[in-house]
Amino acid sequence: MAAPPALDVLTTHLLVDGRPVGQAVHAPYSLNTVAMYGALLTAAAAAAFRQGARLREDTEGLV
């Protein structure tokens, strides 16, 4: 996905101007890393349980 043209022009202009982009462009939000890692851990656990349930259904009538 390409960046919007205005963002591309802004970042290019700031880089050529010599100012670091991080100081000139401020994001209106911040990421909570603990919540992000918690969500990733929860998604990984859900995928593992889903795979286990699928394997149990596959082997249910074999023995």
PDB file of N, CA and C in Angstrom:
ATOM      1  N   MET A   1       0.852  -1.172   0.000  1.00  0.00           N
ATOM      2  CA  MET A   1       0.000   0.000   0.000  1.00  0.00           C
ATOM      3  C   MET A   1       0.896   1.233   0.000  1.00  0.00           C
ATOM      4  N   ALA A   2       0.652   2.114  -0.896  1.00  0.00           N
ATOM      5  CA  ALA A   2       1.462   3.322  -1.017  1.00  0.00           C
ATOM      6  C   ALA A   2       0.961   4.397  -0.055  1.00  0.00           C
ATOM      7  N   ALA A   3       1.870   5.228   0.367  1.00  0.00           N
ATOM      8  CA  ALA A   3       1.509   6.332   1.261  1.00  0.00           C
ATOM      9  C   ALA A   3       0.738   7.387   0.464  1.00  0.00           C
ATOM     10  N   PRO A   4      -0.161   8.111   1.121  1.00  0.00           N
ATOM     11  CA  PRO A   4      -0.861   9.189   0.430  1.00  0.00           C
ATOM     12  C   PRO A   4       0.143  10.217  -0.100  1.00  0.00           C
ATOM     13  N   PRO A   5      -0.175  10.852  -1.222  1.00  0.00           N
ATOM     14  CA  PRO A   5       0.776  11.793  -1.815  1.00  0.00           C
ATOM     15  C   PRO A   5       1.199  12.923  -0.870  1.00  0.00           C
ATOM     16  N   ALA A   6       0.279  13.432  -0.060  1.00  0.00           N
ATOM     17  CA  ALA A   6       0.623  14.534   0.844  1.00  0.00           C
ATOM     18  C   ALA A   6       1.655  14.080   1.879  1.00  0.00           C
ATOM     19  N   LEU A   7       1.512  12.864   2.384  1.00  0.00           N
ATOM     20  CA  LEU A   7       2.469  12.345   3.354  1.00  0.00           C
ATOM     21  C   LEU A   7       3.834  12.149   2.708  1.00  0.00           C
ATOM     22  N   ASP A   8       3.840  11.648   1.487  1.00  0.00           N
ATOM     23  CA  ASP A   8       5.087  11.453   0.759  1.00  0.00           C
ATOM     24  C   ASP A   8       5.801  12.786   0.547  1.00  0.00           C
ATOM     25  N   VAL A   9       5.062  13.806   0.149  1.00  0.00           N
ATOM     26  CA  VAL A   9       5.654  15.128  -0.075  1.00  0.00           C
ATOM     27  C   VAL A   9       6.165  15.704   1.241  1.00  0.00           C
ATOM     28  N   LEU A  10       5.382  15.559   2.320  1.00  0.00           N
ATOM     29  CA  LEU A  10       5.773  16.103   3.620  1.00  0.00           C
ATOM     30  C   LEU A  10       7.058  15.456   4.123  1.00  0.00           C
ATOM     31  N   THR A  11       7.117  14.129   4.081  1.00  0.00           N
ATOM     32  CA  THR A  11       8.303  13.456   4.592  1.00  0.00           C
ATOM     33  C   THR A  11       9.522  13.731   3.726  1.00  0.00           C
ATOM     34  N   THR A  12       9.344  13.773   2.422  1.00  0.00           N
ATOM     35  CA  THR A  12      10.473  14.066   1.533  1.00  0.00           C
ATOM     36  C   THR A  12      10.983  15.474   1.778  1.00  0.00           C
ATOM     37  N   HIS A  13      10.078  16.432   1.921  1.00  0.00           N
ATOM     38  CA  HIS A  13      10.479  17.818   2.161  1.00  0.00           C
ATOM     39  C   HIS A  13      11.236  17.938   3.485  1.00  0.00           C
ATOM     40  N   LEU A  14      10.746  17.280   4.531  1.00  0.00           N
ATOM     41  CA  LEU A  14      11.401  17.373   5.832  1.00  0.00           C
ATOM     42  C   LEU A  14      12.775  16.698   5.812  1.00  0.00           C
ATOM     43  N   LEU A  15      12.902  15.603   5.099  1.00  0.00           N
ATOM     44  CA  LEU A  15      14.190  14.936   5.023  1.00  0.00           C
ATOM     45  C   LEU A  15      15.204  15.769   4.241  1.00  0.00           C
ATOM     46  N   VAL A  16      14.756  16.405   3.175  1.00  0.00           N
ATOM     47  CA  VAL A  16      15.648  17.237   2.380  1.00  0.00           C
ATOM     48  C   VAL A  16      16.009  18.499   3.157  1.00  0.00           C
ATOM     49  N   ASP A  17      15.054  18.996   3.943  1.00  0.00           N
ATOM     50  CA  ASP A  17      15.270  20.201   4.736  1.00  0.00           C
ATOM     51  C   ASP A  17      16.305  19.967   5.833  1.00  0.00           C
ATOM     52  N   GLY A  18      16.507  18.709   6.235  1.00  0.00           N
ATOM     53  CA  GLY A  18      17.519  18.402   7.233  1.00  0.00           C
ATOM     54  C   GLY A  18      16.965  18.145   8.620  1.00  0.00           C
ATOM     55  N   ARG A  19      15.677  18.349   8.820  1.00  0.00           N
ATOM     56  CA  ARG A  19      15.084  18.078  10.127  1.00  0.00           C
ATOM     57  C   ARG A  19      14.648  16.619  10.208  1.00  0.00           C
ATOM     58  N   PRO A  20      14.822  15.970  11.338  1.00  0.00           N
ATOM     59  CA  PRO A  20      14.303  14.613  11.491  1.00  0.00           C
ATOM     60  C   PRO A  20      12.779  14.614  11.421  1.00  0.00           C
ATOM     61  N   VAL A  21      12.228  13.662  10.725  1.00  0.00           N
ATOM     62  CA  VAL A  21      10.779  13.603  10.549  1.00  0.00           C
ATOM     63  C   VAL A  21      10.081  13.330  11.876  1.00  0.00           C
ATOM     64  N   GLY A  22      10.679  12.534  12.751  1.00  0.00           N
ATOM     65  CA  GLY A  22      10.059  12.185  14.024  1.00  0.00           C
ATOM     66  C   GLY A  22       9.757  13.389  14.896  1.00  0.00           C
ATOM     67  N   GLN A  23      10.530  14.443  14.786  1.00  0.00           N
ATOM     68  CA  GLN A  23      10.283  15.636  15.588  1.00  0.00           C
ATOM     69  C   GLN A  23       9.211  16.533  14.973  1.00  0.00           C
ATOM     70  N   ALA A  24       9.006  16.427  13.672  1.00  0.00           N
ATOM     71  CA  ALA A  24       8.057  17.312  13.003  1.00  0.00           C
ATOM     72  C   ALA A  24       6.669  16.714  12.877  1.00  0.00           C
ATOM     73  N   VAL A  25       6.567  15.405  12.780  1.00  0.00           N
ATOM     74  CA  VAL A  25       5.277  14.739  12.607  1.00  0.00           C
ATOM     75  C   VAL A  25       4.929  14.043  13.916  1.00  0.00           C
ATOM     76  N   HIS A  26       3.788  14.400  14.494  1.00  0.00           N
ATOM     77  CA  HIS A  26       3.360  13.824  15.764  1.00  0.00           C
ATOM     78  C   HIS A  26       2.119  12.976  15.534  1.00  0.00           C
ATOM     79  N   ALA A  27       2.140  11.746  16.026  1.00  0.00           N
ATOM     80  CA  ALA A  27       0.982  10.869  15.930  1.00  0.00           C
ATOM     81  C   ALA A  27       0.042  11.177  17.095  1.00  0.00           C
ATOM     82  N   PRO A  28      -1.261  11.186  16.850  1.00  0.00           N
ATOM     83  CA  PRO A  28      -2.214  11.504  17.918  1.00  0.00           C
ATOM     84  C   PRO A  28      -2.484  10.329  18.857  1.00  0.00           C
ATOM     85  N   TYR A  29      -1.762   9.250  18.733  1.00  0.00           N
ATOM     86  CA  TYR A  29      -1.984   8.087  19.578  1.00  0.00           C
ATOM     87  C   TYR A  29      -0.641   7.480  19.978  1.00  0.00           C
ATOM     88  N   SER A  30      -0.694   6.630  20.978  1.00  0.00           N
ATOM     89  CA  SER A  30       0.503   5.888  21.379  1.00  0.00           C
ATOM     90  C   SER A  30       0.100   4.428  21.558  1.00  0.00           C
ATOM     91  N   LEU A  31       1.051   3.537  21.368  1.00  0.00           N
ATOM     92  CA  LEU A  31       0.778   2.116  21.499  1.00  0.00           C
ATOM     93  C   LEU A  31       1.197   1.631  22.877  1.00  0.00           C
ATOM     94  N   ASN A  32       0.342   0.866  23.483  1.00  0.00           N
ATOM     95  CA  ASN A  32       0.652   0.240  24.763  1.00  0.00           C
ATOM     96  C   ASN A  32       1.260  -1.125  24.449  1.00  0.00           C
ATOM     97  N   THR A  33       2.551  -1.295  24.699  1.00  0.00           N
ATOM     98  CA  THR A  33       3.225  -2.524  24.299  1.00  0.00           C
ATOM     99  C   THR A  33       2.760  -3.732  25.107  1.00  0.00           C
ATOM    100  N   VAL A  34       2.407  -3.537  26.362  1.00  0.00           N
ATOM    101  CA  VAL A  34       1.928  -4.657  27.176  1.00  0.00           C
ATOM    102  C   VAL A  34       0.621  -5.180  26.598  1.00  0.00           C
ATOM    103  N   ALA A  35      -0.279  -4.306  26.234  1.00  0.00           N
ATOM    104  CA  ALA A  35      -1.555  -4.723  25.645  1.00  0.00           C
ATOM    105  C   ALA A  35      -1.336  -5.382  24.287  1.00  0.00           C
ATOM    106  N   MET A  36      -0.393  -4.872  23.511  1.00  0.00           N
ATOM    107  CA  MET A  36      -0.117  -5.441  22.198  1.00  0.00           C
ATOM    108  C   MET A  36       0.423  -6.864  22.339  1.00  0.00           C
ATOM    109  N   TYR A  37       1.385  -7.081  23.252  1.00  0.00           N
ATOM    110  CA  TYR A  37       1.925  -8.423  23.461  1.00  0.00           C
ATOM    111  C   TYR A  37       0.868  -9.354  24.055  1.00  0.00           C
ATOM    112  N   GLY A  38       0.018  -8.835  24.900  1.00  0.00           N
ATOM    113  CA  GLY A  38      -1.071  -9.647  25.452  1.00  0.00           C
ATOM    114  C   GLY A  38      -2.032 -10.104  24.364  1.00  0.00           C
ATOM    115  N   ALA A  39      -2.343  -9.218  23.448  1.00  0.00           N
ATOM    116  CA  ALA A  39      -3.236  -9.577  22.342  1.00  0.00           C
ATOM    117  C   ALA A  39      -2.587 -10.617  21.436  1.00  0.00           C
ATOM    118  N   LEU A  40      -1.288 -10.464  21.162  1.00  0.00           N
ATOM    119  CA  LEU A  40      -0.591 -11.454  20.337  1.00  0.00           C
ATOM    120  C   LEU A  40      -0.535 -12.814  21.024  1.00  0.00           C
ATOM    121  N   LEU A  41      -0.293 -12.822  22.321  1.00  0.00           N
ATOM    122  CA  LEU A  41      -0.256 -14.072  23.075  1.00  0.00           C
ATOM    123  C   LEU A  41      -1.626 -14.745  23.081  1.00  0.00           C
ATOM    124  N   THR A  42      -2.673 -13.966  23.243  1.00  0.00           N
ATOM    125  CA  THR A  42      -4.026 -14.506  23.226  1.00  0.00           C
ATOM    126  C   THR A  42      -4.364 -15.089  21.863  1.00  0.00           C
ATOM    127  N   ALA A  43      -3.971 -14.400  20.796  1.00  0.00           N
ATOM    128  CA  ALA A  43      -4.228 -14.899  19.444  1.00  0.00           C
ATOM    129  C   ALA A  43      -3.452 -16.184  19.181  1.00  0.00           C
ATOM    130  N   ALA A  44      -2.220 -16.275  19.664  1.00  0.00           N
ATOM    131  CA  ALA A  44      -1.429 -17.497  19.485  1.00  0.00           C
ATOM    132  C   ALA A  44      -2.052 -18.664  20.251  1.00  0.00           C
ATOM    133  N   ALA A  45      -2.507 -18.413  21.458  1.00  0.00           N
ATOM    134  CA  ALA A  45      -3.148 -19.474  22.247  1.00  0.00           C
ATOM    135  C   ALA A  45      -4.444 -19.930  21.574  1.00  0.00           C
ATOM    136  N   ALA A  46      -5.222 -19.005  21.047  1.00  0.00           N
ATOM    137  CA  ALA A  46      -6.463 -19.363  20.357  1.00  0.00           C
ATOM    138  C   ALA A  46      -6.169 -20.222  19.125  1.00  0.00           C
ATOM    139  N   ALA A  47      -5.127 -19.869  18.381  1.00  0.00           N
ATOM    140  CA  ALA A  47      -4.763 -20.656  17.205  1.00  0.00           C
ATOM    141  C   ALA A  47      -4.320 -22.063  17.611  1.00  0.00           C
ATOM    142  N   ALA A  48      -3.573 -22.188  18.702  1.00  0.00           N
ATOM    143  CA  ALA A  48      -3.129 -23.505  19.164  1.00  0.00           C
ATOM    144  C   ALA A  48      -4.313 -24.358  19.600  1.00  0.00           C
ATOM    145  N   PHE A  49      -5.258 -23.786  20.329  1.00  0.00           N
ATOM    146  CA  PHE A  49      -6.433 -24.535  20.747  1.00  0.00           C
ATOM    147  C   PHE A  49      -7.307 -24.919  19.561  1.00  0.00           C
ATOM    148  N   ARG A  50      -7.417 -24.042  18.583  1.00  0.00           N
ATOM    149  CA  ARG A  50      -8.209 -24.337  17.386  1.00  0.00           C
ATOM    150  C   ARG A  50      -7.583 -25.509  16.626  1.00  0.00           C
ATOM    151  N   GLN A  51      -6.251 -25.510  16.502  1.00  0.00           N
ATOM    152  CA  GLN A  51      -5.557 -26.606  15.826  1.00  0.00           C
ATOM    153  C   GLN A  51      -5.733 -27.908  16.602  1.00  0.00           C
ATOM    154  N   GLY A  52      -5.666 -27.852  17.913  1.00  0.00           N
ATOM    155  CA  GLY A  52      -5.874 -29.047  18.731  1.00  0.00           C
ATOM    156  C   GLY A  52      -7.276 -29.615  18.574  1.00  0.00           C
ATOM    157  N   ALA A  53      -8.267 -28.751  18.524  1.00  0.00           N
ATOM    158  CA  ALA A  53      -9.643 -29.207  18.328  1.00  0.00           C
ATOM    159  C   ALA A  53      -9.809 -29.844  16.956  1.00  0.00           C
ATOM    160  N   ARG A  54      -9.169 -29.272  15.957  1.00  0.00           N
ATOM    161  CA  ARG A  54      -9.241 -29.824  14.595  1.00  0.00           C
ATOM    162  C   ARG A  54      -8.589 -31.212  14.551  1.00  0.00           C
ATOM    163  N   LEU A  55      -7.447 -31.388  15.214  1.00  0.00           N
ATOM    164  CA  LEU A  55      -6.789 -32.694  15.248  1.00  0.00           C
ATOM    165  C   LEU A  55      -7.629 -33.716  16.000  1.00  0.00           C
ATOM    166  N   ARG A  56      -8.264 -33.304  17.085  1.00  0.00           N
ATOM    167  CA  ARG A  56      -9.112 -34.214  17.854  1.00  0.00           C
ATOM    168  C   ARG A  56     -10.296 -34.680  17.007  1.00  0.00           C
ATOM    169  N   GLU A  57     -10.896 -33.792  16.233  1.00  0.00           N
ATOM    170  CA  GLU A  57     -12.018 -34.170  15.367  1.00  0.00           C
ATOM    171  C   GLU A  57     -11.570 -35.105  14.268  1.00  0.00           C
ATOM    172  N   ASP A  58     -10.357 -34.918  13.759  1.00  0.00           N
ATOM    173  CA  ASP A  58      -9.849 -35.779  12.685  1.00  0.00           C
ATOM    174  C   ASP A  58      -9.599 -37.210  13.172  1.00  0.00           C
ATOM    175  N   THR A  59      -9.150 -37.343  14.414  1.00  0.00           N
ATOM    176  CA  THR A  59      -8.795 -38.675  14.923  1.00  0.00           C
ATOM    177  C   THR A  59      -9.891 -39.307  15.767  1.00  0.00           C
ATOM    178  N   GLU A  60     -11.053 -38.734  15.819  1.00  0.00           N
ATOM    179  CA  GLU A  60     -12.098 -39.209  16.728  1.00  0.00           C
ATOM    180  C   GLU A  60     -12.571 -40.624  16.395  1.00  0.00           C
ATOM    181  N   GLY A  61     -12.755 -40.992  15.173  1.00  0.00           N
ATOM    182  CA  GLY A  61     -13.309 -42.319  14.845  1.00  0.00           C
ATOM    183  C   GLY A  61     -12.261 -43.333  14.430  1.00  0.00           C
ATOM    184  N   LEU A  62     -10.991 -43.074  14.623  1.00  0.00           N
ATOM    185  CA  LEU A  62      -9.948 -43.975  14.136  1.00  0.00           C
ATOM    186  C   LEU A  62      -9.720 -45.183  15.038  1.00  0.00           C
ATOM    187  N   VAL A  63      -9.818 -45.026  16.333  1.00  0.00           N
ATOM    188  CA  VAL A  63      -9.456 -46.134  17.240  1.00  0.00           C
ATOM    189  C   VAL A  63     -10.692 -46.841  17.726  1.00  0.00           C
TER     190      VAL A  63
END
